[in-house]
Amino acid sequence: MIKFDTSRKRFFGFILLGWVLLIISDRIGELRQYQGAFVAMYALAIASIILLTGYSGQLSLGHSALMAVGAYAGALSINNLKLPPALALIIGALVAGIFGLLLGRLS
């Protein structure tokens, strides 16, 4: 019998939650999807800033700027390139990562 530790249970729980959210996203309206996306975005931003300031004790001045760069790149790729939102999310994350890497190399 396979023993699962707490981190694996939590990982599989998040995977299951993701699949459930994907399945029910077809059954709810656009307004609820929009609200859910905002809640997820703010939860991710808050969790990352808590991780940075609370656990490591660092002060982040560029945290929100890199998040804004990724959001701007995602919005431009949806509006100008007419890409699907899932691909725009990946592009926004890559652009923010590259911008952060370049900014880190310069400083």
C-alpha atoms as a PDB file:
ATOM      1  CA  MET A   1       0.000   0.000   0.000  1.00  0.00           C
ATOM      2  CA  ILE A   2       1.287   3.464  -0.928  1.00  0.00           C
ATOM      3  CA  LYS A   3       1.623   5.960   1.909  1.00  0.00           C
ATOM      4  CA  PHE A   4       0.978   9.577   1.007  1.00  0.00           C
ATOM      5  CA  ASP A   5       2.566  12.309   3.057  1.00  0.00           C
ATOM      6  CA  THR A   6       0.832  15.622   3.659  1.00  0.00           C
ATOM      7  CA  SER A   7       2.486  17.457   0.767  1.00  0.00           C
ATOM      8  CA  ARG A   8       1.385  14.829  -1.759  1.00  0.00           C
ATOM      9  CA  LYS A   9      -2.149  14.849  -0.430  1.00  0.00           C
ATOM     10  CA  ARG A  10      -2.211  18.624  -0.712  1.00  0.00           C
ATOM     11  CA  PHE A  11      -0.784  18.478  -4.240  1.00  0.00           C
ATOM     12  CA  PHE A  12      -3.371  15.947  -5.401  1.00  0.00           C
ATOM     13  CA  GLY A  13      -6.069  17.975  -3.656  1.00  0.00           C
ATOM     14  CA  PHE A  14      -5.113  21.060  -5.671  1.00  0.00           C
ATOM     15  CA  ILE A  15      -5.047  19.013  -8.874  1.00  0.00           C
ATOM     16  CA  LEU A  16      -8.539  17.716  -8.091  1.00  0.00           C
ATOM     17  CA  LEU A  17      -9.745  21.236  -7.268  1.00  0.00           C
ATOM     18  CA  GLY A  18      -8.381  22.480 -10.597  1.00  0.00           C
ATOM     19  CA  TRP A  19     -10.241  19.773 -12.519  1.00  0.00           C
ATOM     20  CA  VAL A  20     -13.468  20.497 -10.646  1.00  0.00           C
ATOM     21  CA  LEU A  21     -13.153  24.213 -11.421  1.00  0.00           C
ATOM     22  CA  LEU A  22     -12.459  23.421 -15.066  1.00  0.00           C
ATOM     23  CA  ILE A  23     -15.528  21.208 -15.292  1.00  0.00           C
ATOM     24  CA  ILE A  24     -17.901  23.682 -13.632  1.00  0.00           C
ATOM     25  CA  SER A  25     -16.586  26.646 -15.633  1.00  0.00           C
ATOM     26  CA  ASP A  26     -18.870  25.647 -18.514  1.00  0.00           C
ATOM     27  CA  ARG A  27     -21.905  25.660 -16.255  1.00  0.00           C
ATOM     28  CA  ILE A  28     -21.578  29.146 -14.764  1.00  0.00           C
ATOM     29  CA  GLY A  29     -22.017  32.542 -16.366  1.00  0.00           C
ATOM     30  CA  GLU A  30     -19.378  34.934 -17.604  1.00  0.00           C
ATOM     31  CA  LEU A  31     -19.794  37.255 -14.634  1.00  0.00           C
ATOM     32  CA  ARG A  32     -18.999  34.465 -12.159  1.00  0.00           C
ATOM     33  CA  GLN A  33     -15.972  33.411 -14.240  1.00  0.00           C
ATOM     34  CA  TYR A  34     -14.775  37.016 -14.248  1.00  0.00           C
ATOM     35  CA  GLN A  35     -15.241  37.303 -10.497  1.00  0.00           C
ATOM     36  CA  GLY A  36     -13.512  33.972  -9.929  1.00  0.00           C
ATOM     37  CA  ALA A  37     -10.565  35.064 -12.056  1.00  0.00           C
ATOM     38  CA  PHE A  38     -10.197  38.247 -10.002  1.00  0.00           C
ATOM     39  CA  VAL A  39     -10.373  36.320  -6.735  1.00  0.00           C
ATOM     40  CA  ALA A  40      -7.721  33.882  -7.985  1.00  0.00           C
ATOM     41  CA  MET A  41      -5.476  36.700  -9.199  1.00  0.00           C
ATOM     42  CA  TYR A  42      -5.651  38.594  -5.917  1.00  0.00           C
ATOM     43  CA  ALA A  43      -5.209  35.411  -3.891  1.00  0.00           C
ATOM     44  CA  LEU A  44      -2.046  34.595  -5.846  1.00  0.00           C
ATOM     45  CA  ALA A  45      -0.696  38.136  -5.434  1.00  0.00           C
ATOM     46  CA  ILE A  46      -1.439  38.184  -1.705  1.00  0.00           C
ATOM     47  CA  ALA A  47       0.035  34.728  -1.139  1.00  0.00           C
ATOM     48  CA  SER A  48       3.240  35.666  -2.944  1.00  0.00           C
ATOM     49  CA  ILE A  49       3.660  38.955  -1.073  1.00  0.00           C
ATOM     50  CA  ILE A  50       3.021  37.177   2.248  1.00  0.00           C
ATOM     51  CA  LEU A  51       5.634  34.591   1.315  1.00  0.00           C
ATOM     52  CA  LEU A  52       8.148  37.290   0.458  1.00  0.00           C
ATOM     53  CA  THR A  53       7.610  39.685   3.353  1.00  0.00           C
ATOM     54  CA  GLY A  54       6.374  37.355   6.072  1.00  0.00           C
ATOM     55  CA  TYR A  55       8.593  34.317   5.801  1.00  0.00           C
ATOM     56  CA  SER A  56      11.759  35.784   4.326  1.00  0.00           C
ATOM     57  CA  GLY A  57      11.490  39.303   5.767  1.00  0.00           C
ATOM     58  CA  GLN A  58      12.284  41.050   2.491  1.00  0.00           C
ATOM     59  CA  LEU A  59      10.675  44.255   1.325  1.00  0.00           C
ATOM     60  CA  SER A  60       9.416  44.084  -2.248  1.00  0.00           C
ATOM     61  CA  LEU A  61       9.122  47.308  -4.188  1.00  0.00           C
ATOM     62  CA  GLY A  62       8.893  45.797  -7.664  1.00  0.00           C
ATOM     63  CA  HIS A  63       6.439  43.013  -6.901  1.00  0.00           C
ATOM     64  CA  SER A  64       3.348  44.794  -8.161  1.00  0.00           C
ATOM     65  CA  ALA A  65       5.242  46.295 -11.105  1.00  0.00           C
ATOM     66  CA  LEU A  66       6.159  42.836 -12.430  1.00  0.00           C
ATOM     67  CA  MET A  67       2.571  41.707 -11.946  1.00  0.00           C
ATOM     68  CA  ALA A  68       1.425  44.738 -13.935  1.00  0.00           C
ATOM     69  CA  VAL A  69       3.895  43.976 -16.745  1.00  0.00           C
ATOM     70  CA  GLY A  70       2.512  40.452 -17.044  1.00  0.00           C
ATOM     71  CA  ALA A  71      -1.088  41.688 -17.000  1.00  0.00           C
ATOM     72  CA  TYR A  72      -0.329  44.304 -19.636  1.00  0.00           C
ATOM     73  CA  ALA A  73       1.393  41.765 -21.876  1.00  0.00           C
ATOM     74  CA  GLY A  74      -1.540  39.379 -21.503  1.00  0.00           C
ATOM     75  CA  ALA A  75      -4.070  42.108 -22.291  1.00  0.00           C
ATOM     76  CA  LEU A  76      -2.127  43.219 -25.361  1.00  0.00           C
ATOM     77  CA  SER A  77      -1.870  39.670 -26.648  1.00  0.00           C
ATOM     78  CA  ILE A  78      -5.638  39.204 -26.291  1.00  0.00           C
ATOM     79  CA  ASN A  79      -6.623  42.552 -27.820  1.00  0.00           C
ATOM     80  CA  ASN A  80      -4.027  42.966 -30.566  1.00  0.00           C
ATOM     81  CA  LEU A  81      -3.013  39.401 -31.452  1.00  0.00           C
ATOM     82  CA  LYS A  82      -6.480  37.901 -30.840  1.00  0.00           C
ATOM     83  CA  LEU A  83      -5.021  34.990 -28.838  1.00  0.00           C
ATOM     84  CA  PRO A  84      -7.118  32.825 -26.522  1.00  0.00           C
ATOM     85  CA  PRO A  85      -6.973  33.795 -22.835  1.00  0.00           C
ATOM     86  CA  ALA A  86      -5.150  30.614 -21.791  1.00  0.00           C
ATOM     87  CA  LEU A  87      -2.303  31.360 -24.197  1.00  0.00           C
ATOM     88  CA  ALA A  88      -2.314  35.025 -23.159  1.00  0.00           C
ATOM     89  CA  LEU A  89      -1.890  33.927 -19.534  1.00  0.00           C
ATOM     90  CA  ILE A  90       1.212  31.934 -20.460  1.00  0.00           C
ATOM     91  CA  ILE A  91       2.587  34.803 -22.531  1.00  0.00           C
ATOM     92  CA  GLY A  92       1.973  37.267 -19.689  1.00  0.00           C
ATOM     93  CA  ALA A  93       3.805  35.026 -17.225  1.00  0.00           C
ATOM     94  CA  LEU A  94       6.739  34.584 -19.608  1.00  0.00           C
ATOM     95  CA  VAL A  95       7.010  38.305 -20.337  1.00  0.00           C
ATOM     96  CA  ALA A  96       6.881  39.165 -16.633  1.00  0.00           C
ATOM     97  CA  GLY A  97       9.519  36.513 -15.909  1.00  0.00           C
ATOM     98  CA  ILE A  98      11.833  37.742 -18.644  1.00  0.00           C
ATOM     99  CA  PHE A  99      11.343  41.353 -17.550  1.00  0.00           C
ATOM    100  CA  GLY A 100      12.106  40.398 -13.950  1.00  0.00           C
ATOM    101  CA  LEU A 101      15.186  38.483 -15.041  1.00  0.00           C
ATOM    102  CA  LEU A 102      16.464  41.439 -17.061  1.00  0.00           C
ATOM    103  CA  LEU A 103      15.724  43.830 -14.214  1.00  0.00           C
ATOM    104  CA  GLY A 104      17.531  41.542 -11.774  1.00  0.00           C
ATOM    105  CA  ARG A 105      20.588  41.330 -14.030  1.00  0.00           C
ATOM    106  CA  LEU A 106      20.799  45.109 -14.284  1.00  0.00           C
ATOM    107  CA  SER A 107      20.710  45.708 -10.551  1.00  0.00           C
END
